[in-house]
């Protein structure tokens, strides 16, 4: 979901969680970063029956350490940035930017599906 810059992650997450819960009925667990704490966790559990697990850094971590679940997200963002139009904010509308994300993700999925499979012996 792409939003304008003046909309916070928590406000957008309410809308996004409702959309995800409506379209993916078997989904039960979501991971989120520390910015999605508070009433969003309660909203997901009580209204949508989704467990929102917050992935936090431990207090003894020093420096730049990528958390295990965050590594999956960062790797996906790196794949998206291979599309030239997503490297910078060239789009004028959020719907156009969101369409470019879908296009880039579709290219990534089709490359993975077209990859030759190793033969099993």
PDB file of N, CA and C in Angstrom:
ATOM      1  N   UNK A   1       0.851  -1.178   0.000  1.00  0.00           N
ATOM      2  CA  UNK A   1       0.000   0.000   0.000  1.00  0.00           C
ATOM      3  C   UNK A   1       0.889   1.230   0.000  1.00  0.00           C
ATOM      4  N   UNK A   2       0.641   2.114  -0.913  1.00  0.00           N
ATOM      5  CA  UNK A   2       1.409   3.354  -1.023  1.00  0.00           C
ATOM      6  C   UNK A   2       0.524   4.493  -0.542  1.00  0.00           C
ATOM      7  N   UNK A   3       1.059   5.318   0.362  1.00  0.00           N
ATOM      8  CA  UNK A   3       0.301   6.456   0.887  1.00  0.00           C
ATOM      9  C   UNK A   3       1.095   7.738   0.696  1.00  0.00           C
ATOM     10  N   UNK A   4       0.439   8.841   0.914  1.00  0.00           N
ATOM     11  CA  UNK A   4       1.114  10.131   0.854  1.00  0.00           C
ATOM     12  C   UNK A   4       2.084  10.238   2.025  1.00  0.00           C
ATOM     13  N   UNK A   5       3.047  11.140   1.917  1.00  0.00           N
ATOM     14  CA  UNK A   5       4.092  11.258   2.931  1.00  0.00           C
ATOM     15  C   UNK A   5       3.564  11.766   4.265  1.00  0.00           C
ATOM     16  N   UNK A   6       2.428  12.481   4.266  1.00  0.00           N
ATOM     17  CA  UNK A   6       1.914  13.020   5.516  1.00  0.00           C
ATOM     18  C   UNK A   6       1.017  12.045   6.276  1.00  0.00           C
ATOM     19  N   UNK A   7       0.882  10.820   5.797  1.00  0.00           N
ATOM     20  CA  UNK A   7       0.084   9.802   6.489  1.00  0.00           C
ATOM     21  C   UNK A   7       1.042   8.858   7.198  1.00  0.00           C
ATOM     22  N   UNK A   8       0.860   8.692   8.490  1.00  0.00           N
ATOM     23  CA  UNK A   8       1.736   7.844   9.288  1.00  0.00           C
ATOM     24  C   UNK A   8       1.491   6.366   9.052  1.00  0.00           C
ATOM     25  N   UNK A   9       2.465   5.568   9.451  1.00  0.00           N
ATOM     26  CA  UNK A   9       2.367   4.121   9.256  1.00  0.00           C
ATOM     27  C   UNK A   9       1.218   3.510  10.048  1.00  0.00           C
ATOM     28  N   UNK A  10       0.989   3.991  11.257  1.00  0.00           N
ATOM     29  CA  UNK A  10      -0.090   3.409  12.073  1.00  0.00           C
ATOM     30  C   UNK A  10      -1.459   3.670  11.470  1.00  0.00           C
ATOM     31  N   UNK A  11      -1.671   4.879  10.948  1.00  0.00           N
ATOM     32  CA  UNK A  11      -2.967   5.206  10.333  1.00  0.00           C
ATOM     33  C   UNK A  11      -3.182   4.379   9.070  1.00  0.00           C
ATOM     34  N   UNK A  12      -2.148   4.241   8.267  1.00  0.00           N
ATOM     35  CA  UNK A  12      -2.267   3.448   7.040  1.00  0.00           C
ATOM     36  C   UNK A  12      -2.405   1.969   7.357  1.00  0.00           C
ATOM     37  N   UNK A  13      -1.812   1.521   8.449  1.00  0.00           N
ATOM     38  CA  UNK A  13      -1.865   0.104   8.796  1.00  0.00           C
ATOM     39  C   UNK A  13      -3.284  -0.343   9.142  1.00  0.00           C
ATOM     40  N   UNK A  14      -4.093   0.524   9.722  1.00  0.00           N
ATOM     41  CA  UNK A  14      -5.483   0.153  10.008  1.00  0.00           C
ATOM     42  C   UNK A  14      -6.211  -0.216   8.715  1.00  0.00           C
ATOM     43  N   UNK A  15      -6.052   0.604   7.696  1.00  0.00           N
ATOM     44  CA  UNK A  15      -6.705   0.349   6.413  1.00  0.00           C
ATOM     45  C   UNK A  15      -6.114  -0.885   5.749  1.00  0.00           C
ATOM     46  N   UNK A  16      -4.798  -0.993   5.766  1.00  0.00           N
ATOM     47  CA  UNK A  16      -4.131  -2.118   5.128  1.00  0.00           C
ATOM     48  C   UNK A  16      -4.484  -3.443   5.798  1.00  0.00           C
ATOM     49  N   UNK A  17      -4.515  -3.469   7.119  1.00  0.00           N
ATOM     50  CA  UNK A  17      -4.868  -4.700   7.830  1.00  0.00           C
ATOM     51  C   UNK A  17      -6.285  -5.150   7.495  1.00  0.00           C
ATOM     52  N   UNK A  18      -7.200  -4.210   7.393  1.00  0.00           N
ATOM     53  CA  UNK A  18      -8.578  -4.558   7.037  1.00  0.00           C
ATOM     54  C   UNK A  18      -8.647  -5.147   5.629  1.00  0.00           C
ATOM     55  N   UNK A  19      -7.893  -4.567   4.690  1.00  0.00           N
ATOM     56  CA  UNK A  19      -7.877  -5.088   3.316  1.00  0.00           C
ATOM     57  C   UNK A  19      -7.265  -6.482   3.267  1.00  0.00           C
ATOM     58  N   UNK A  20      -6.179  -6.666   3.986  1.00  0.00           N
ATOM     59  CA  UNK A  20      -5.501  -7.964   3.987  1.00  0.00           C
ATOM     60  C   UNK A  20      -6.387  -9.028   4.630  1.00  0.00           C
ATOM     61  N   UNK A  21      -7.020  -8.698   5.732  1.00  0.00           N
ATOM     62  CA  UNK A  21      -7.887  -9.671   6.419  1.00  0.00           C
ATOM     63  C   UNK A  21      -9.084 -10.047   5.556  1.00  0.00           C
ATOM     64  N   UNK A  22      -9.603  -9.093   4.778  1.00  0.00           N
ATOM     65  CA  UNK A  22     -10.755  -9.385   3.927  1.00  0.00           C
ATOM     66  C   UNK A  22     -10.385 -10.283   2.750  1.00  0.00           C
ATOM     67  N   UNK A  23      -9.186 -10.140   2.230  1.00  0.00           N
ATOM     68  CA  UNK A  23      -8.818 -10.918   1.044  1.00  0.00           C
ATOM     69  C   UNK A  23      -8.065 -12.216   1.359  1.00  0.00           C
ATOM     70  N   UNK A  24      -7.464 -12.304   2.530  1.00  0.00           N
ATOM     71  CA  UNK A  24      -6.707 -13.511   2.902  1.00  0.00           C
ATOM     72  C   UNK A  24      -7.261 -14.056   4.219  1.00  0.00           C
ATOM     73  N   UNK A  25      -8.250 -14.906   4.116  1.00  0.00           N
ATOM     74  CA  UNK A  25      -8.972 -15.374   5.300  1.00  0.00           C
ATOM     75  C   UNK A  25      -8.157 -16.320   6.175  1.00  0.00           C
ATOM     76  N   UNK A  26      -7.175 -17.009   5.600  1.00  0.00           N
ATOM     77  CA  UNK A  26      -6.393 -17.974   6.375  1.00  0.00           C
ATOM     78  C   UNK A  26      -5.216 -17.325   7.088  1.00  0.00           C
ATOM     79  N   UNK A  27      -4.965 -16.067   6.839  1.00  0.00           N
ATOM     80  CA  UNK A  27      -3.853 -15.363   7.473  1.00  0.00           C
ATOM     81  C   UNK A  27      -4.112 -15.216   8.966  1.00  0.00           C
ATOM     82  N   UNK A  28      -3.114 -15.556   9.771  1.00  0.00           N
ATOM     83  CA  UNK A  28      -3.301 -15.508  11.221  1.00  0.00           C
ATOM     84  C   UNK A  28      -2.225 -14.694  11.932  1.00  0.00           C
ATOM     85  N   UNK A  29      -1.027 -14.594  11.361  1.00  0.00           N
ATOM     86  CA  UNK A  29       0.095 -13.938  12.023  1.00  0.00           C
ATOM     87  C   UNK A  29       0.750 -12.942  11.086  1.00  0.00           C
ATOM     88  N   UNK A  30       0.994 -11.744  11.590  1.00  0.00           N
ATOM     89  CA  UNK A  30       1.698 -10.706  10.837  1.00  0.00           C
ATOM     90  C   UNK A  30       2.856 -10.205  11.675  1.00  0.00           C
ATOM     91  N   UNK A  31       3.973  -9.898  11.027  1.00  0.00           N
ATOM     92  CA  UNK A  31       5.109  -9.294  11.708  1.00  0.00           C
ATOM     93  C   UNK A  31       5.135  -7.818  11.390  1.00  0.00           C
ATOM     94  N   UNK A  32       5.470  -7.013  12.364  1.00  0.00           N
ATOM     95  CA  UNK A  32       5.565  -5.566  12.169  1.00  0.00           C
ATOM     96  C   UNK A  32       6.733  -5.034  12.981  1.00  0.00           C
ATOM     97  N   UNK A  33       7.189  -3.842  12.620  1.00  0.00           N
ATOM     98  CA  UNK A  33       8.297  -3.254  13.377  1.00  0.00           C
ATOM     99  C   UNK A  33       7.757  -2.489  14.584  1.00  0.00           C
ATOM    100  N   UNK A  34       8.642  -1.888  15.328  1.00  0.00           N
ATOM    101  CA  UNK A  34       8.281  -1.221  16.571  1.00  0.00           C
ATOM    102  C   UNK A  34       7.356  -0.032  16.407  1.00  0.00           C
ATOM    103  N   UNK A  35       7.221   0.508  15.188  1.00  0.00           N
ATOM    104  CA  UNK A  35       6.336   1.642  14.965  1.00  0.00           C
ATOM    105  C   UNK A  35       4.870   1.283  14.972  1.00  0.00           C
ATOM    106  N   UNK A  36       4.546   0.018  14.964  1.00  0.00           N
ATOM    107  CA  UNK A  36       3.148  -0.424  14.895  1.00  0.00           C
ATOM    108  C   UNK A  36       2.635  -0.944  16.234  1.00  0.00           C
ATOM    109  N   UNK A  37       3.120  -0.408  17.319  1.00  0.00           N
ATOM    110  CA  UNK A  37       2.672  -0.864  18.639  1.00  0.00           C
ATOM    111  C   UNK A  37       1.412  -0.111  19.054  1.00  0.00           C
ATOM    112  N   UNK A  38       0.943  -0.415  20.234  1.00  0.00           N
ATOM    113  CA  UNK A  38      -0.198   0.306  20.794  1.00  0.00           C
ATOM    114  C   UNK A  38      -1.528  -0.271  20.367  1.00  0.00           C
ATOM    115  N   UNK A  39      -2.441   0.618  19.995  1.00  0.00           N
ATOM    116  CA  UNK A  39      -3.806   0.206  19.696  1.00  0.00           C
ATOM    117  C   UNK A  39      -3.904  -0.634  18.433  1.00  0.00           C
ATOM    118  N   UNK A  40      -2.905  -0.572  17.562  1.00  0.00           N
ATOM    119  CA  UNK A  40      -2.947  -1.356  16.335  1.00  0.00           C
ATOM    120  C   UNK A  40      -2.898  -2.852  16.622  1.00  0.00           C
ATOM    121  N   UNK A  41      -2.124  -3.251  17.609  1.00  0.00           N
ATOM    122  CA  UNK A  41      -2.039  -4.665  17.984  1.00  0.00           C
ATOM    123  C   UNK A  41      -3.388  -5.138  18.516  1.00  0.00           C
ATOM    124  N   UNK A  42      -4.019  -4.335  19.369  1.00  0.00           N
ATOM    125  CA  UNK A  42      -5.335  -4.682  19.909  1.00  0.00           C
ATOM    126  C   UNK A  42      -6.399  -4.706  18.815  1.00  0.00           C
ATOM    127  N   UNK A  43      -6.342  -3.738  17.886  1.00  0.00           N
ATOM    128  CA  UNK A  43      -7.282  -3.669  16.764  1.00  0.00           C
ATOM    129  C   UNK A  43      -7.176  -4.930  15.905  1.00  0.00           C
ATOM    130  N   UNK A  44      -5.957  -5.341  15.597  1.00  0.00           N
ATOM    131  CA  UNK A  44      -5.763  -6.535  14.790  1.00  0.00           C
ATOM    132  C   UNK A  44      -6.303  -7.780  15.456  1.00  0.00           C
ATOM    133  N   UNK A  45      -6.110  -7.871  16.767  1.00  0.00           N
ATOM    134  CA  UNK A  45      -6.546  -9.069  17.486  1.00  0.00           C
ATOM    135  C   UNK A  45      -8.054  -9.091  17.706  1.00  0.00           C
ATOM    136  N   UNK A  46      -8.631  -7.994  18.172  1.00  0.00           N
ATOM    137  CA  UNK A  46     -10.048  -7.998  18.517  1.00  0.00           C
ATOM    138  C   UNK A  46     -10.959  -7.868  17.308  1.00  0.00           C
ATOM    139  N   UNK A  47     -10.663  -6.963  16.401  1.00  0.00           N
ATOM    140  CA  UNK A  47     -11.555  -6.710  15.271  1.00  0.00           C
ATOM    141  C   UNK A  47     -11.309  -7.679  14.120  1.00  0.00           C
ATOM    142  N   UNK A  48     -10.032  -7.937  13.807  1.00  0.00           N
ATOM    143  CA  UNK A  48      -9.711  -8.718  12.613  1.00  0.00           C
ATOM    144  C   UNK A  48      -9.272 -10.151  12.906  1.00  0.00           C
ATOM    145  N   UNK A  49      -9.090 -10.500  14.155  1.00  0.00           N
ATOM    146  CA  UNK A  49      -8.632 -11.828  14.584  1.00  0.00           C
ATOM    147  C   UNK A  49      -7.269 -12.165  13.974  1.00  0.00           C
ATOM    148  N   UNK A  50      -6.378 -11.169  13.942  1.00  0.00           N
ATOM    149  CA  UNK A  50      -5.014 -11.343  13.457  1.00  0.00           C
ATOM    150  C   UNK A  50      -4.038 -11.076  14.598  1.00  0.00           C
ATOM    151  N   UNK A  51      -3.039 -11.917  14.727  1.00  0.00           N
ATOM    152  CA  UNK A  51      -1.997 -11.695  15.722  1.00  0.00           C
ATOM    153  C   UNK A  51      -0.917 -10.844  15.065  1.00  0.00           C
ATOM    154  N   UNK A  52      -0.668  -9.683  15.624  1.00  0.00           N
ATOM    155  CA  UNK A  52       0.342  -8.765  15.114  1.00  0.00           C
ATOM    156  C   UNK A  52       1.553  -8.860  16.033  1.00  0.00           C
ATOM    157  N   UNK A  53       2.588  -9.574  15.584  1.00  0.00           N
ATOM    158  CA  UNK A  53       3.797  -9.761  16.382  1.00  0.00           C
ATOM    159  C   UNK A  53       4.778  -8.642  16.074  1.00  0.00           C
ATOM    160  N   UNK A  54       5.195  -7.927  17.098  1.00  0.00           N
ATOM    161  CA  UNK A  54       6.132  -6.819  16.940  1.00  0.00           C
ATOM    162  C   UNK A  54       7.551  -7.357  17.064  1.00  0.00           C
ATOM    163  N   UNK A  55       8.363  -7.161  16.025  1.00  0.00           N
ATOM    164  CA  UNK A  55       9.758  -7.591  16.015  1.00  0.00           C
ATOM    165  C   UNK A  55      10.584  -6.413  16.506  1.00  0.00           C
ATOM    166  N   UNK A  56      11.189  -6.573  17.681  1.00  0.00           N
ATOM    167  CA  UNK A  56      11.943  -5.476  18.292  1.00  0.00           C
ATOM    168  C   UNK A  56      13.409  -5.839  18.425  1.00  0.00           C
ATOM    169  N   UNK A  57      14.225  -4.806  18.501  1.00  0.00           N
ATOM    170  CA  UNK A  57      15.644  -4.993  18.804  1.00  0.00           C
ATOM    171  C   UNK A  57      15.792  -5.188  20.304  1.00  0.00           C
ATOM    172  N   UNK A  58      16.751  -5.979  20.685  1.00  0.00           N
ATOM    173  CA  UNK A  58      17.025  -6.111  22.110  1.00  0.00           C
ATOM    174  C   UNK A  58      17.857  -4.915  22.557  1.00  0.00           C
ATOM    175  N   UNK A  59      17.821  -4.610  23.822  1.00  0.00           N
ATOM    176  CA  UNK A  59      18.506  -3.437  24.352  1.00  0.00           C
ATOM    177  C   UNK A  59      20.023  -3.541  24.292  1.00  0.00           C
ATOM    178  N   UNK A  60      20.562  -4.757  24.252  1.00  0.00           N
ATOM    179  CA  UNK A  60      22.010  -4.911  24.253  1.00  0.00           C
ATOM    180  C   UNK A  60      22.631  -4.855  22.852  1.00  0.00           C
ATOM    181  N   UNK A  61      21.833  -4.683  21.802  1.00  0.00           N
ATOM    182  CA  UNK A  61      22.373  -4.579  20.446  1.00  0.00           C
ATOM    183  C   UNK A  61      23.003  -3.214  20.236  1.00  0.00           C
ATOM    184  N   UNK A  62      24.168  -3.205  19.635  1.00  0.00           N
ATOM    185  CA  UNK A  62      24.875  -1.963  19.329  1.00  0.00           C
ATOM    186  C   UNK A  62      25.098  -1.883  17.825  1.00  0.00           C
ATOM    187  N   UNK A  63      25.059  -0.674  17.277  1.00  0.00           N
ATOM    188  CA  UNK A  63      25.347  -0.478  15.868  1.00  0.00           C
ATOM    189  C   UNK A  63      24.179  -0.875  14.980  1.00  0.00           C
ATOM    190  N   UNK A  64      24.489  -1.032  13.716  1.00  0.00           N
ATOM    191  CA  UNK A  64      23.466  -1.373  12.731  1.00  0.00           C
ATOM    192  C   UNK A  64      23.357  -2.880  12.621  1.00  0.00           C
ATOM    193  N   UNK A  65      22.267  -3.437  13.137  1.00  0.00           N
ATOM    194  CA  UNK A  65      22.021  -4.869  13.083  1.00  0.00           C
ATOM    195  C   UNK A  65      20.641  -5.060  12.454  1.00  0.00           C
ATOM    196  N   UNK A  66      20.594  -5.855  11.387  1.00  0.00           N
ATOM    197  CA  UNK A  66      19.323  -6.137  10.735  1.00  0.00           C
ATOM    198  C   UNK A  66      18.679  -7.325  11.433  1.00  0.00           C
ATOM    199  N   UNK A  67      17.462  -7.144  11.878  1.00  0.00           N
ATOM    200  CA  UNK A  67      16.734  -8.216  12.550  1.00  0.00           C
ATOM    201  C   UNK A  67      16.365  -9.309  11.549  1.00  0.00           C
ATOM    202  N   UNK A  68      16.232 -10.567  11.999  1.00  0.00           N
ATOM    203  CA  UNK A  68      15.987 -11.677  11.070  1.00  0.00           C
ATOM    204  C   UNK A  68      14.747 -11.481  10.187  1.00  0.00           C
ATOM    205  N   UNK A  69      13.629 -11.093  10.740  1.00  0.00           N
ATOM    206  CA  UNK A  69      12.418 -10.911   9.939  1.00  0.00           C
ATOM    207  C   UNK A  69      12.529  -9.671   9.065  1.00  0.00           C
ATOM    208  N   UNK A  70      13.236  -8.660   9.536  1.00  0.00           N
ATOM    209  CA  UNK A  70      13.416  -7.435   8.770  1.00  0.00           C
ATOM    210  C   UNK A  70      14.285  -7.684   7.535  1.00  0.00           C
ATOM    211  N   UNK A  71      15.162  -8.664   7.614  1.00  0.00           N
ATOM    212  CA  UNK A  71      16.020  -9.004   6.478  1.00  0.00           C
ATOM    213  C   UNK A  71      15.184  -9.433   5.267  1.00  0.00           C
ATOM    214  N   UNK A  72      14.077 -10.126   5.505  1.00  0.00           N
ATOM    215  CA  UNK A  72      13.192 -10.547   4.418  1.00  0.00           C
ATOM    216  C   UNK A  72      12.604  -9.330   3.721  1.00  0.00           C
ATOM    217  N   UNK A  73      12.167  -8.367   4.499  1.00  0.00           N
ATOM    218  CA  UNK A  73      11.577  -7.145   3.943  1.00  0.00           C
ATOM    219  C   UNK A  73      12.626  -6.345   3.182  1.00  0.00           C
ATOM    220  N   UNK A  74      13.808  -6.193   3.760  1.00  0.00           N
ATOM    221  CA  UNK A  74      14.874  -5.428   3.098  1.00  0.00           C
ATOM    222  C   UNK A  74      15.300  -6.093   1.792  1.00  0.00           C
ATOM    223  N   UNK A  75      15.332  -7.414   1.753  1.00  0.00           N
ATOM    224  CA  UNK A  75      15.683  -8.118   0.518  1.00  0.00           C
ATOM    225  C   UNK A  75      14.627  -7.862  -0.558  1.00  0.00           C
ATOM    226  N   UNK A  76      13.346  -7.852  -0.171  1.00  0.00           N
ATOM    227  CA  UNK A  76      12.277  -7.568  -1.131  1.00  0.00           C
ATOM    228  C   UNK A  76      12.383  -6.138  -1.654  1.00  0.00           C
ATOM    229  N   UNK A  77      12.671  -5.171  -0.763  1.00  0.00           N
ATOM    230  CA  UNK A  77      12.856  -3.789  -1.209  1.00  0.00           C
ATOM    231  C   UNK A  77      14.025  -3.683  -2.187  1.00  0.00           C
ATOM    232  N   UNK A  78      15.087  -4.432  -1.950  1.00  0.00           N
ATOM    233  CA  UNK A  78      16.241  -4.410  -2.857  1.00  0.00           C
ATOM    234  C   UNK A  78      15.844  -4.939  -4.234  1.00  0.00           C
ATOM    235  N   UNK A  79      15.010  -5.979  -4.276  1.00  0.00           N
ATOM    236  CA  UNK A  79      14.537  -6.491  -5.563  1.00  0.00           C
ATOM    237  C   UNK A  79      13.665  -5.455  -6.273  1.00  0.00           C
ATOM    238  N   UNK A  80      12.833  -4.737  -5.512  1.00  0.00           N
ATOM    239  CA  UNK A  80      11.992  -3.717  -6.126  1.00  0.00           C
ATOM    240  C   UNK A  80      12.823  -2.579  -6.706  1.00  0.00           C
ATOM    241  N   UNK A  81      13.912  -2.230  -6.044  1.00  0.00           N
ATOM    242  CA  UNK A  81      14.733  -1.111  -6.497  1.00  0.00           C
ATOM    243  C   UNK A  81      15.485  -1.420  -7.791  1.00  0.00           C
ATOM    244  N   UNK A  82      15.439  -2.661  -8.246  1.00  0.00           N
ATOM    245  CA  UNK A  82      16.025  -2.986  -9.540  1.00  0.00           C
ATOM    246  C   UNK A  82      15.216  -2.379 -10.679  1.00  0.00           C
ATOM    247  N   UNK A  83      13.952  -2.023 -10.415  1.00  0.00           N
ATOM    248  CA  UNK A  83      13.143  -1.313 -11.399  1.00  0.00           C
ATOM    249  C   UNK A  83      13.509   0.167 -11.340  1.00  0.00           C
ATOM    250  N   UNK A  84      13.891   0.712 -12.458  1.00  0.00           N
ATOM    251  CA  UNK A  84      14.437   2.070 -12.471  1.00  0.00           C
ATOM    252  C   UNK A  84      13.442   3.123 -11.989  1.00  0.00           C
ATOM    253  N   UNK A  85      12.158   2.942 -12.254  1.00  0.00           N
ATOM    254  CA  UNK A  85      11.183   3.963 -11.857  1.00  0.00           C
ATOM    255  C   UNK A  85      10.921   3.968 -10.362  1.00  0.00           C
ATOM    256  N   UNK A  86      11.318   2.928  -9.662  1.00  0.00           N
ATOM    257  CA  UNK A  86      11.099   2.889  -8.222  1.00  0.00           C
ATOM    258  C   UNK A  86      12.298   3.400  -7.429  1.00  0.00           C
ATOM    259  N   UNK A  87      13.402   3.658  -8.104  1.00  0.00           N
ATOM    260  CA  UNK A  87      14.592   4.139  -7.402  1.00  0.00           C
ATOM    261  C   UNK A  87      14.358   5.532  -6.837  1.00  0.00           C
ATOM    262  N   UNK A  88      13.666   6.365  -7.577  1.00  0.00           N
ATOM    263  CA  UNK A  88      13.320   7.721  -7.138  1.00  0.00           C
ATOM    264  C   UNK A  88      11.805   7.878  -7.171  1.00  0.00           C
ATOM    265  N   UNK A  89      11.300   8.899  -6.541  1.00  0.00           N
ATOM    266  CA  UNK A  89       9.861   9.161  -6.549  1.00  0.00           C
ATOM    267  C   UNK A  89       9.491   9.956  -7.799  1.00  0.00           C
ATOM    268  N   UNK A  90       9.354   9.252  -8.919  1.00  0.00           N
ATOM    269  CA  UNK A  90       9.009   9.904 -10.175  1.00  0.00           C
ATOM    270  C   UNK A  90       7.498  10.051 -10.351  1.00  0.00           C
ATOM    271  N   UNK A  91       6.732   9.278  -9.628  1.00  0.00           N
ATOM    272  CA  UNK A  91       5.283   9.238  -9.843  1.00  0.00           C
ATOM    273  C   UNK A  91       4.607  10.446  -9.202  1.00  0.00           C
ATOM    274  N   UNK A  92       3.565  10.915  -9.845  1.00  0.00           N
ATOM    275  CA  UNK A  92       2.816  12.068  -9.330  1.00  0.00           C
ATOM    276  C   UNK A  92       1.667  11.650  -8.410  1.00  0.00           C
ATOM    277  N   UNK A  93       1.169  10.453  -8.582  1.00  0.00           N
ATOM    278  CA  UNK A  93       0.056  10.010  -7.738  1.00  0.00           C
ATOM    279  C   UNK A  93       0.439   8.718  -7.021  1.00  0.00           C
ATOM    280  N   UNK A  94      -0.199   8.485  -5.884  1.00  0.00           N
ATOM    281  CA  UNK A  94       0.088   7.266  -5.127  1.00  0.00           C
ATOM    282  C   UNK A  94      -0.406   6.027  -5.854  1.00  0.00           C
ATOM    283  N   UNK A  95      -1.497   6.157  -6.625  1.00  0.00           N
ATOM    284  CA  UNK A  95      -1.989   4.985  -7.368  1.00  0.00           C
ATOM    285  C   UNK A  95      -0.999   4.578  -8.455  1.00  0.00           C
ATOM    286  N   UNK A  96      -0.351   5.542  -9.086  1.00  0.00           N
ATOM    287  CA  UNK A  96       0.667   5.236 -10.085  1.00  0.00           C
ATOM    288  C   UNK A  96       1.884   4.585  -9.427  1.00  0.00           C
ATOM    289  N   UNK A  97       2.303   5.087  -8.270  1.00  0.00           N
ATOM    290  CA  UNK A  97       3.432   4.496  -7.552  1.00  0.00           C
ATOM    291  C   UNK A  97       3.111   3.075  -7.110  1.00  0.00           C
ATOM    292  N   UNK A  98       1.886   2.853  -6.654  1.00  0.00           N
ATOM    293  CA  UNK A  98       1.483   1.511  -6.234  1.00  0.00           C
ATOM    294  C   UNK A  98       1.455   0.555  -7.423  1.00  0.00           C
ATOM    295  N   UNK A  99       1.015   1.040  -8.582  1.00  0.00           N
ATOM    296  CA  UNK A  99       1.015   0.215  -9.784  1.00  0.00           C
ATOM    297  C   UNK A  99       2.438  -0.182 -10.174  1.00  0.00           C
ATOM    298  N   UNK A 100       3.394   0.723  -9.991  1.00  0.00           N
ATOM    299  CA  UNK A 100       4.788   0.413 -10.310  1.00  0.00           C
ATOM    300  C   UNK A 100       5.339  -0.656  -9.354  1.00  0.00           C
ATOM    301  N   UNK A 101       4.917  -0.633  -8.100  1.00  0.00           N
ATOM    302  CA  UNK A 101       5.341  -1.669  -7.154  1.00  0.00           C
ATOM    303  C   UNK A 101       4.775  -3.024  -7.583  1.00  0.00           C
ATOM    304  N   UNK A 102       3.500  -3.054  -7.971  1.00  0.00           N
ATOM    305  CA  UNK A 102       2.902  -4.304  -8.453  1.00  0.00           C
ATOM    306  C   UNK A 102       3.624  -4.812  -9.696  1.00  0.00           C
ATOM    307  N   UNK A 103       3.955  -3.909 -10.609  1.00  0.00           N
ATOM    308  CA  UNK A 103       4.637  -4.280 -11.839  1.00  0.00           C
ATOM    309  C   UNK A 103       6.015  -4.881 -11.532  1.00  0.00           C
ATOM    310  N   UNK A 104       6.737  -4.241 -10.649  1.00  0.00           N
ATOM    311  CA  UNK A 104       8.068  -4.726 -10.288  1.00  0.00           C
ATOM    312  C   UNK A 104       7.987  -6.078  -9.576  1.00  0.00           C
ATOM    313  N   UNK A 105       7.018  -6.239  -8.684  1.00  0.00           N
ATOM    314  CA  UNK A 105       6.849  -7.518  -7.980  1.00  0.00           C
ATOM    315  C   UNK A 105       6.434  -8.624  -8.947  1.00  0.00           C
ATOM    316  N   UNK A 106       5.632  -8.289  -9.950  1.00  0.00           N
ATOM    317  CA  UNK A 106       5.236  -9.271 -10.955  1.00  0.00           C
ATOM    318  C   UNK A 106       6.437  -9.721 -11.774  1.00  0.00           C
ATOM    319  N   UNK A 107       7.311  -8.784 -12.136  1.00  0.00           N
ATOM    320  CA  UNK A 107       8.532  -9.157 -12.860  1.00  0.00           C
ATOM    321  C   UNK A 107       9.400 -10.077 -12.010  1.00  0.00           C
ATOM    322  N   UNK A 108       9.509  -9.786 -10.720  1.00  0.00           N
ATOM    323  CA  UNK A 108      10.297 -10.633  -9.829  1.00  0.00           C
ATOM    324  C   UNK A 108       9.707 -12.043  -9.754  1.00  0.00           C
ATOM    325  N   UNK A 109       8.388 -12.136  -9.597  1.00  0.00           N
ATOM    326  CA  UNK A 109       7.743 -13.450  -9.497  1.00  0.00           C
ATOM    327  C   UNK A 109       7.878 -14.243 -10.787  1.00  0.00           C
ATOM    328  N   UNK A 110       7.710 -13.595 -11.944  1.00  0.00           N
ATOM    329  CA  UNK A 110       7.812 -14.330 -13.204  1.00  0.00           C
ATOM    330  C   UNK A 110       9.237 -14.805 -13.442  1.00  0.00           C
ATOM    331  N   UNK A 111      10.237 -14.035 -13.043  1.00  0.00           N
ATOM    332  CA  UNK A 111      11.627 -14.499 -13.160  1.00  0.00           C
ATOM    333  C   UNK A 111      11.856 -15.735 -12.294  1.00  0.00           C
ATOM    334  N   UNK A 112      11.295 -15.709 -11.092  1.00  0.00           N
ATOM    335  CA  UNK A 112      11.472 -16.867 -10.207  1.00  0.00           C
ATOM    336  C   UNK A 112      10.740 -18.093 -10.736  1.00  0.00           C
ATOM    337  N   UNK A 113       9.572 -17.898 -11.317  1.00  0.00           N
ATOM    338  CA  UNK A 113       8.821 -19.029 -11.862  1.00  0.00           C
ATOM    339  C   UNK A 113       9.471 -19.591 -13.121  1.00  0.00           C
ATOM    340  N   UNK A 114      10.126 -18.748 -13.917  1.00  0.00           N
ATOM    341  CA  UNK A 114      10.752 -19.181 -15.162  1.00  0.00           C
ATOM    342  C   UNK A 114      12.141 -19.776 -14.946  1.00  0.00           C
ATOM    343  N   UNK A 115      12.665 -19.652 -13.742  1.00  0.00           N
ATOM    344  CA  UNK A 115      13.997 -20.184 -13.438  1.00  0.00           C
ATOM    345  C   UNK A 115      13.990 -21.700 -13.597  1.00  0.00           C
ATOM    346  N   UNK A 116      15.010 -22.253 -14.251  1.00  0.00           N
ATOM    347  CA  UNK A 116      15.046 -23.721 -14.389  1.00  0.00           C
ATOM    348  C   UNK A 116      15.224 -24.407 -13.042  1.00  0.00           C
ATOM    349  N   UNK A 117      14.495 -25.465 -12.869  1.00  0.00           N
ATOM    350  CA  UNK A 117      14.545 -26.221 -11.610  1.00  0.00           C
ATOM    351  C   UNK A 117      15.630 -27.288 -11.696  1.00  0.00           C
ATOM    352  N   UNK A 118      16.360 -27.511 -10.616  1.00  0.00           N
ATOM    353  CA  UNK A 118      17.333 -28.605 -10.644  1.00  0.00           C
ATOM    354  C   UNK A 118      16.601 -29.943 -10.671  1.00  0.00           C
ATOM    355  N   UNK A 119      17.152 -30.863 -11.417  1.00  0.00           N
ATOM    356  CA  UNK A 119      16.511 -32.178 -11.518  1.00  0.00           C
ATOM    357  C   UNK A 119      16.759 -32.981 -10.248  1.00  0.00           C
ATOM    358  N   UNK A 120      15.741 -33.701  -9.841  1.00  0.00           N
ATOM    359  CA  UNK A 120      15.847 -34.539  -8.641  1.00  0.00           C
ATOM    360  C   UNK A 120      16.208 -35.949  -9.071  1.00  0.00           C
ATOM    361  N   UNK A 121      17.227 -36.478  -8.461  1.00  0.00           N
ATOM    362  CA  UNK A 121      17.658 -37.830  -8.839  1.00  0.00           C
ATOM    363  C   UNK A 121      17.376 -38.812  -7.733  1.00  0.00           C
TER     364      UNK A 121
END
